[in-house]
Amino acid sequence: GGLPIPPVTIFMDGFADGVAYYNKTKSKN
């Protein structure tokens, strides 16, 4: 991110959760 502020970290949170969801559904890491 540019700075650790909500309009930035909200993207990063969603991105990380999307990867986690992929790992869960596909049994990947």
PDB file of all heavy atoms in Angstrom:
ATOM      1  N   GLY A   1       0.803  -1.218   0.000  1.00  0.00           N
ATOM      2  CA  GLY A   1       0.000   0.000   0.000  1.00  0.00           C
ATOM      3  C   GLY A   1       0.833   1.264   0.000  1.00  0.00           C
ATOM      4  O   GLY A   1       2.064   1.213   0.131  1.00  0.00           O
ATOM      5  N   GLY A   2       0.145   2.386  -0.148  1.00  0.00           N
ATOM      6  CA  GLY A   2       0.805   3.681  -0.051  1.00  0.00           C
ATOM      7  C   GLY A   2       0.986   4.073   1.398  1.00  0.00           C
ATOM      8  O   GLY A   2       2.087   4.358   1.857  1.00  0.00           O
ATOM      9  N   LEU A   3      -0.107   4.049   2.147  1.00  0.00           N
ATOM     10  CA  LEU A   3      -0.092   4.328   3.581  1.00  0.00           C
ATOM     11  C   LEU A   3      -1.060   3.364   4.273  1.00  0.00           C
ATOM     12  O   LEU A   3      -2.050   2.939   3.660  1.00  0.00           O
ATOM     13  CB  LEU A   3      -0.531   5.769   3.868  1.00  0.00           C
ATOM     14  CG  LEU A   3       0.446   6.899   3.542  1.00  0.00           C
ATOM     15  CD1 LEU A   3      -0.262   8.244   3.659  1.00  0.00           C
ATOM     16  CD2 LEU A   3       1.650   6.854   4.486  1.00  0.00           C
ATOM     17  N   PRO A   4      -0.834   3.035   5.536  1.00  0.00           N
ATOM     18  CA  PRO A   4      -1.757   2.147   6.256  1.00  0.00           C
ATOM     19  C   PRO A   4      -3.004   2.879   6.720  1.00  0.00           C
ATOM     20  O   PRO A   4      -3.212   3.125   7.906  1.00  0.00           O
ATOM     21  CB  PRO A   4      -0.903   1.653   7.437  1.00  0.00           C
ATOM     22  CG  PRO A   4       0.074   2.755   7.688  1.00  0.00           C
ATOM     23  CD  PRO A   4       0.372   3.343   6.328  1.00  0.00           C
ATOM     24  N   ILE A   5      -3.848   3.253   5.786  1.00  0.00           N
ATOM     25  CA  ILE A   5      -5.106   3.944   6.063  1.00  0.00           C
ATOM     26  C   ILE A   5      -6.251   3.114   5.488  1.00  0.00           C
ATOM     27  O   ILE A   5      -6.042   2.335   4.553  1.00  0.00           O
ATOM     28  CB  ILE A   5      -5.117   5.368   5.466  1.00  0.00           C
ATOM     29  CG1 ILE A   5      -4.855   5.342   3.959  1.00  0.00           C
ATOM     30  CG2 ILE A   5      -4.089   6.254   6.182  1.00  0.00           C
ATOM     31  CD1 ILE A   5      -4.941   6.699   3.280  1.00  0.00           C
ATOM     32  N   PRO A   6      -7.460   3.250   6.035  1.00  0.00           N
ATOM     33  CA  PRO A   6      -8.575   2.391   5.623  1.00  0.00           C
ATOM     34  C   PRO A   6      -8.836   2.294   4.111  1.00  0.00           C
ATOM     35  O   PRO A   6      -9.077   1.182   3.619  1.00  0.00           O
ATOM     36  CB  PRO A   6      -9.771   3.000   6.375  1.00  0.00           C
ATOM     37  CG  PRO A   6      -9.163   3.550   7.617  1.00  0.00           C
ATOM     38  CD  PRO A   6      -7.829   4.116   7.182  1.00  0.00           C
ATOM     39  N   PRO A   7      -8.809   3.410   3.340  1.00  0.00           N
ATOM     40  CA  PRO A   7      -9.075   3.275   1.906  1.00  0.00           C
ATOM     41  C   PRO A   7      -8.031   2.426   1.163  1.00  0.00           C
ATOM     42  O   PRO A   7      -8.262   2.011   0.034  1.00  0.00           O
ATOM     43  CB  PRO A   7      -9.044   4.721   1.405  1.00  0.00           C
ATOM     44  CG  PRO A   7      -9.327   5.556   2.601  1.00  0.00           C
ATOM     45  CD  PRO A   7      -8.667   4.829   3.728  1.00  0.00           C
ATOM     46  N   VAL A   8      -6.889   2.179   1.810  1.00  0.00           N
ATOM     47  CA  VAL A   8      -5.833   1.337   1.239  1.00  0.00           C
ATOM     48  C   VAL A   8      -5.934  -0.088   1.765  1.00  0.00           C
ATOM     49  O   VAL A   8      -5.993  -1.055   0.994  1.00  0.00           O
ATOM     50  CB  VAL A   8      -4.438   1.919   1.558  1.00  0.00           C
ATOM     51  CG1 VAL A   8      -3.335   0.939   1.181  1.00  0.00           C
ATOM     52  CG2 VAL A   8      -4.237   3.244   0.828  1.00  0.00           C
ATOM     53  N   THR A   9      -5.980  -0.232   3.071  1.00  0.00           N
ATOM     54  CA  THR A   9      -5.947  -1.577   3.660  1.00  0.00           C
ATOM     55  C   THR A   9      -7.202  -2.385   3.346  1.00  0.00           C
ATOM     56  O   THR A   9      -7.162  -3.615   3.370  1.00  0.00           O
ATOM     57  CB  THR A   9      -5.742  -1.512   5.179  1.00  0.00           C
ATOM     58  OG1 THR A   9      -6.805  -0.763   5.782  1.00  0.00           O
ATOM     59  CG2 THR A   9      -4.401  -0.853   5.506  1.00  0.00           C
ATOM     60  N   ILE A  10      -8.302  -1.724   3.015  1.00  0.00           N
ATOM     61  CA  ILE A  10      -9.515  -2.453   2.653  1.00  0.00           C
ATOM     62  C   ILE A  10      -9.288  -3.303   1.407  1.00  0.00           C
ATOM     63  O   ILE A  10      -9.776  -4.433   1.306  1.00  0.00           O
ATOM     64  CB  ILE A  10     -10.710  -1.486   2.469  1.00  0.00           C
ATOM     65  CG1 ILE A  10     -12.008  -2.271   2.245  1.00  0.00           C
ATOM     66  CG2 ILE A  10     -10.465  -0.502   1.333  1.00  0.00           C
ATOM     67  CD1 ILE A  10     -13.248  -1.395   2.212  1.00  0.00           C
ATOM     68  N   PHE A  11      -8.514  -2.783   0.444  1.00  0.00           N
ATOM     69  CA  PHE A  11      -8.161  -3.567  -0.744  1.00  0.00           C
ATOM     70  C   PHE A  11      -7.323  -4.784  -0.342  1.00  0.00           C
ATOM     71  O   PHE A  11      -7.533  -5.902  -0.829  1.00  0.00           O
ATOM     72  CB  PHE A  11      -7.317  -2.725  -1.708  1.00  0.00           C
ATOM     73  CG  PHE A  11      -8.054  -1.741  -2.560  1.00  0.00           C
ATOM     74  CD1 PHE A  11      -8.215  -0.429  -2.142  1.00  0.00           C
ATOM     75  CD2 PHE A  11      -8.554  -2.096  -3.802  1.00  0.00           C
ATOM     76  CE1 PHE A  11      -8.852   0.504  -2.936  1.00  0.00           C
ATOM     77  CE2 PHE A  11      -9.196  -1.176  -4.617  1.00  0.00           C
ATOM     78  CZ  PHE A  11      -9.346   0.133  -4.183  1.00  0.00           C
ATOM     79  N   MET A  12      -6.347  -4.542   0.530  1.00  0.00           N
ATOM     80  CA  MET A  12      -5.400  -5.581   0.910  1.00  0.00           C
ATOM     81  C   MET A  12      -6.079  -6.686   1.708  1.00  0.00           C
ATOM     82  O   MET A  12      -5.782  -7.877   1.537  1.00  0.00           O
ATOM     83  CB  MET A  12      -4.240  -4.943   1.667  1.00  0.00           C
ATOM     84  CG  MET A  12      -3.506  -3.894   0.819  1.00  0.00           C
ATOM     85  SD  MET A  12      -2.435  -2.778   1.746  1.00  0.00           S
ATOM     86  CE  MET A  12      -0.971  -3.803   1.943  1.00  0.00           C
ATOM     87  N   ASP A  13      -7.039  -6.299   2.560  1.00  0.00           N
ATOM     88  CA  ASP A  13      -7.812  -7.288   3.307  1.00  0.00           C
ATOM     89  C   ASP A  13      -8.605  -8.192   2.362  1.00  0.00           C
ATOM     90  O   ASP A  13      -8.603  -9.421   2.507  1.00  0.00           O
ATOM     91  CB  ASP A  13      -8.795  -6.580   4.257  1.00  0.00           C
ATOM     92  CG  ASP A  13      -8.141  -6.034   5.510  1.00  0.00           C
ATOM     93  OD1 ASP A  13      -6.989  -6.411   5.805  1.00  0.00           O
ATOM     94  OD2 ASP A  13      -8.792  -5.230   6.199  1.00  0.00           O
ATOM     95  N   GLY A  14      -9.307  -7.574   1.431  1.00  0.00           N
ATOM     96  CA  GLY A  14     -10.111  -8.357   0.497  1.00  0.00           C
ATOM     97  C   GLY A  14      -9.260  -9.283  -0.352  1.00  0.00           C
ATOM     98  O   GLY A  14      -9.625 -10.450  -0.601  1.00  0.00           O
ATOM     99  N   PHE A  15      -8.117  -8.778  -0.801  1.00  0.00           N
ATOM    100  CA  PHE A  15      -7.194  -9.568  -1.628  1.00  0.00           C
ATOM    101  C   PHE A  15      -6.712 -10.802  -0.852  1.00  0.00           C
ATOM    102  O   PHE A  15      -6.745 -11.932  -1.365  1.00  0.00           O
ATOM    103  CB  PHE A  15      -6.013  -8.685  -2.029  1.00  0.00           C
ATOM    104  CG  PHE A  15      -5.026  -9.340  -2.958  1.00  0.00           C
ATOM    105  CD1 PHE A  15      -5.271  -9.409  -4.321  1.00  0.00           C
ATOM    106  CD2 PHE A  15      -3.832  -9.853  -2.471  1.00  0.00           C
ATOM    107  CE1 PHE A  15      -4.356  -9.990  -5.192  1.00  0.00           C
ATOM    108  CE2 PHE A  15      -2.905 -10.437  -3.321  1.00  0.00           C
ATOM    109  CZ  PHE A  15      -3.167 -10.509  -4.688  1.00  0.00           C
ATOM    110  N   ALA A  16      -6.294 -10.586   0.388  1.00  0.00           N
ATOM    111  CA  ALA A  16      -5.801 -11.691   1.213  1.00  0.00           C
ATOM    112  C   ALA A  16      -6.898 -12.727   1.460  1.00  0.00           C
ATOM    113  O   ALA A  16      -6.652 -13.943   1.412  1.00  0.00           O
ATOM    114  CB  ALA A  16      -5.269 -11.161   2.544  1.00  0.00           C
ATOM    115  N   ASP A  17      -8.117 -12.260   1.696  1.00  0.00           N
ATOM    116  CA  ASP A  17      -9.222 -13.188   1.944  1.00  0.00           C
ATOM    117  C   ASP A  17      -9.601 -13.965   0.682  1.00  0.00           C
ATOM    118  O   ASP A  17     -10.011 -15.133   0.762  1.00  0.00           O
ATOM    119  CB  ASP A  17     -10.434 -12.438   2.479  1.00  0.00           C
ATOM    120  CG  ASP A  17     -10.340 -12.156   3.972  1.00  0.00           C
ATOM    121  OD1 ASP A  17      -9.409 -12.685   4.614  1.00  0.00           O
ATOM    122  OD2 ASP A  17     -11.184 -11.410   4.489  1.00  0.00           O
ATOM    123  N   GLY A  18      -9.465 -13.320  -0.468  1.00  0.00           N
ATOM    124  CA  GLY A  18      -9.742 -14.020  -1.723  1.00  0.00           C
ATOM    125  C   GLY A  18      -8.758 -15.150  -1.957  1.00  0.00           C
ATOM    126  O   GLY A  18      -9.130 -16.244  -2.419  1.00  0.00           O
ATOM    127  N   VAL A  19      -7.494 -14.908  -1.638  1.00  0.00           N
ATOM    128  CA  VAL A  19      -6.478 -15.961  -1.752  1.00  0.00           C
ATOM    129  C   VAL A  19      -6.791 -17.086  -0.765  1.00  0.00           C
ATOM    130  O   VAL A  19      -6.727 -18.275  -1.109  1.00  0.00           O
ATOM    131  CB  VAL A  19      -5.066 -15.392  -1.480  1.00  0.00           C
ATOM    132  CG1 VAL A  19      -4.035 -16.510  -1.443  1.00  0.00           C
ATOM    133  CG2 VAL A  19      -4.689 -14.367  -2.554  1.00  0.00           C
ATOM    134  N   ALA A  20      -7.162 -16.718   0.459  1.00  0.00           N
ATOM    135  CA  ALA A  20      -7.492 -17.721   1.478  1.00  0.00           C
ATOM    136  C   ALA A  20      -8.685 -18.572   1.046  1.00  0.00           C
ATOM    137  O   ALA A  20      -8.721 -19.791   1.284  1.00  0.00           O
ATOM    138  CB  ALA A  20      -7.787 -17.034   2.811  1.00  0.00           C
ATOM    139  N   TYR A  21      -9.666 -17.933   0.405  1.00  0.00           N
ATOM    140  CA  TYR A  21     -10.848 -18.662  -0.071  1.00  0.00           C
ATOM    141  C   TYR A  21     -10.459 -19.647  -1.174  1.00  0.00           C
ATOM    142  O   TYR A  21     -10.963 -20.773  -1.226  1.00  0.00           O
ATOM    143  CB  TYR A  21     -11.893 -17.667  -0.572  1.00  0.00           C
ATOM    144  CG  TYR A  21     -13.222 -18.287  -0.932  1.00  0.00           C
ATOM    145  CD1 TYR A  21     -14.084 -18.737   0.060  1.00  0.00           C
ATOM    146  CD2 TYR A  21     -13.617 -18.425  -2.267  1.00  0.00           C
ATOM    147  CE1 TYR A  21     -15.314 -19.300  -0.250  1.00  0.00           C
ATOM    148  CE2 TYR A  21     -14.839 -18.987  -2.599  1.00  0.00           C
ATOM    149  CZ  TYR A  21     -15.679 -19.431  -1.581  1.00  0.00           C
ATOM    150  OH  TYR A  21     -16.886 -20.000  -1.897  1.00  0.00           O
ATOM    151  N   TYR A  22      -9.557 -19.213  -2.050  1.00  0.00           N
ATOM    152  CA  TYR A  22      -9.060 -20.106  -3.099  1.00  0.00           C
ATOM    153  C   TYR A  22      -8.370 -21.310  -2.467  1.00  0.00           C
ATOM    154  O   TYR A  22      -8.615 -22.465  -2.844  1.00  0.00           O
ATOM    155  CB  TYR A  22      -8.083 -19.366  -4.017  1.00  0.00           C
ATOM    156  CG  TYR A  22      -7.495 -20.233  -5.112  1.00  0.00           C
ATOM    157  CD1 TYR A  22      -8.149 -20.385  -6.335  1.00  0.00           C
ATOM    158  CD2 TYR A  22      -6.283 -20.910  -4.917  1.00  0.00           C
ATOM    159  CE1 TYR A  22      -7.621 -21.188  -7.339  1.00  0.00           C
ATOM    160  CE2 TYR A  22      -5.752 -21.721  -5.909  1.00  0.00           C
ATOM    161  CZ  TYR A  22      -6.419 -21.845  -7.115  1.00  0.00           C
ATOM    162  OH  TYR A  22      -5.896 -22.657  -8.115  1.00  0.00           O
ATOM    163  N   ASN A  23      -7.515 -21.059  -1.495  1.00  0.00           N
ATOM    164  CA  ASN A  23      -6.795 -22.142  -0.827  1.00  0.00           C
ATOM    165  C   ASN A  23      -7.759 -23.126  -0.167  1.00  0.00           C
ATOM    166  O   ASN A  23      -7.570 -24.349  -0.221  1.00  0.00           O
ATOM    167  CB  ASN A  23      -5.839 -21.578   0.227  1.00  0.00           C
ATOM    168  CG  ASN A  23      -4.635 -20.888  -0.390  1.00  0.00           C
ATOM    169  OD1 ASN A  23      -4.265 -21.160  -1.535  1.00  0.00           O
ATOM    170  ND2 ASN A  23      -4.013 -19.992   0.371  1.00  0.00           N
ATOM    171  N   LYS A  24      -8.811 -22.586   0.440  1.00  0.00           N
ATOM    172  CA  LYS A  24      -9.782 -23.429   1.133  1.00  0.00           C
ATOM    173  C   LYS A  24     -10.560 -24.302   0.152  1.00  0.00           C
ATOM    174  O   LYS A  24     -10.739 -25.510   0.375  1.00  0.00           O
ATOM    175  CB  LYS A  24     -10.750 -22.552   1.934  1.00  0.00           C
ATOM    176  CG  LYS A  24     -11.822 -23.319   2.684  1.00  0.00           C
ATOM    177  CD  LYS A  24     -12.757 -22.372   3.424  1.00  0.00           C
ATOM    178  CE  LYS A  24     -13.872 -23.130   4.127  1.00  0.00           C
ATOM    179  NZ  LYS A  24     -14.811 -22.201   4.818  1.00  0.00           N
ATOM    180  N   THR A  25     -11.005 -23.712  -0.932  1.00  0.00           N
ATOM    181  CA  THR A  25     -11.845 -24.452  -1.879  1.00  0.00           C
ATOM    182  C   THR A  25     -11.038 -25.385  -2.771  1.00  0.00           C
ATOM    183  O   THR A  25     -11.570 -26.389  -3.254  1.00  0.00           O
ATOM    184  CB  THR A  25     -12.666 -23.496  -2.763  1.00  0.00           C
ATOM    185  OG1 THR A  25     -11.776 -22.607  -3.464  1.00  0.00           O
ATOM    186  CG2 THR A  25     -13.627 -22.670  -1.925  1.00  0.00           C
ATOM    187  N   LYS A  26      -9.767 -25.084  -2.981  1.00  0.00           N
ATOM    188  CA  LYS A  26      -8.934 -25.883  -3.885  1.00  0.00           C
ATOM    189  C   LYS A  26      -7.906 -26.740  -3.146  1.00  0.00           C
ATOM    190  O   LYS A  26      -7.117 -27.442  -3.779  1.00  0.00           O
ATOM    191  CB  LYS A  26      -8.191 -24.964  -4.862  1.00  0.00           C
ATOM    192  CG  LYS A  26      -9.090 -24.093  -5.715  1.00  0.00           C
ATOM    193  CD  LYS A  26      -9.835 -24.912  -6.736  1.00  0.00           C
ATOM    194  CE  LYS A  26     -10.605 -24.012  -7.708  1.00  0.00           C
ATOM    195  NZ  LYS A  26     -11.349 -24.798  -8.714  1.00  0.00           N
ATOM    196  N   SER A  27      -7.901 -26.645  -1.816  1.00  0.00           N
ATOM    197  CA  SER A  27      -6.895 -27.346  -1.008  1.00  0.00           C
ATOM    198  C   SER A  27      -5.480 -27.001  -1.467  1.00  0.00           C
ATOM    199  O   SER A  27      -4.624 -27.878  -1.656  1.00  0.00           O
ATOM    200  CB  SER A  27      -7.125 -28.868  -1.074  1.00  0.00           C
ATOM    201  OG  SER A  27      -8.377 -29.204  -0.518  1.00  0.00           O
ATOM    202  N   LYS A  28      -5.242 -25.707  -1.660  1.00  0.00           N
ATOM    203  CA  LYS A  28      -3.930 -25.202  -2.076  1.00  0.00           C
ATOM    204  C   LYS A  28      -3.312 -24.400  -0.938  1.00  0.00           C
ATOM    205  O   LYS A  28      -3.924 -24.212   0.118  1.00  0.00           O
ATOM    206  CB  LYS A  28      -4.068 -24.320  -3.323  1.00  0.00           C
ATOM    207  CG  LYS A  28      -4.655 -25.021  -4.537  1.00  0.00           C
ATOM    208  CD  LYS A  28      -3.692 -26.041  -5.109  1.00  0.00           C
ATOM    209  CE  LYS A  28      -4.240 -26.638  -6.407  1.00  0.00           C
ATOM    210  NZ  LYS A  28      -3.319 -27.633  -6.991  1.00  0.00           N
ATOM    211  N   ASN A  29      -2.110 -23.896  -1.177  1.00  0.00           N
ATOM    212  CA  ASN A  29      -1.441 -23.097  -0.152  1.00  0.00           C
ATOM    213  C   ASN A  29      -0.712 -21.917  -0.789  1.00  0.00           C
ATOM    214  O   ASN A  29       0.484 -21.731  -0.590  1.00  0.00           O
ATOM    215  CB  ASN A  29      -0.463 -23.955   0.651  1.00  0.00           C
ATOM    216  CG  ASN A  29       0.099 -23.212   1.859  1.00  0.00           C
ATOM    217  OD1 ASN A  29      -0.572 -22.369   2.448  1.00  0.00           O
ATOM    218  ND2 ASN A  29       1.338 -23.509   2.209  1.00  0.00           N
TER     219      ASN A  29
END
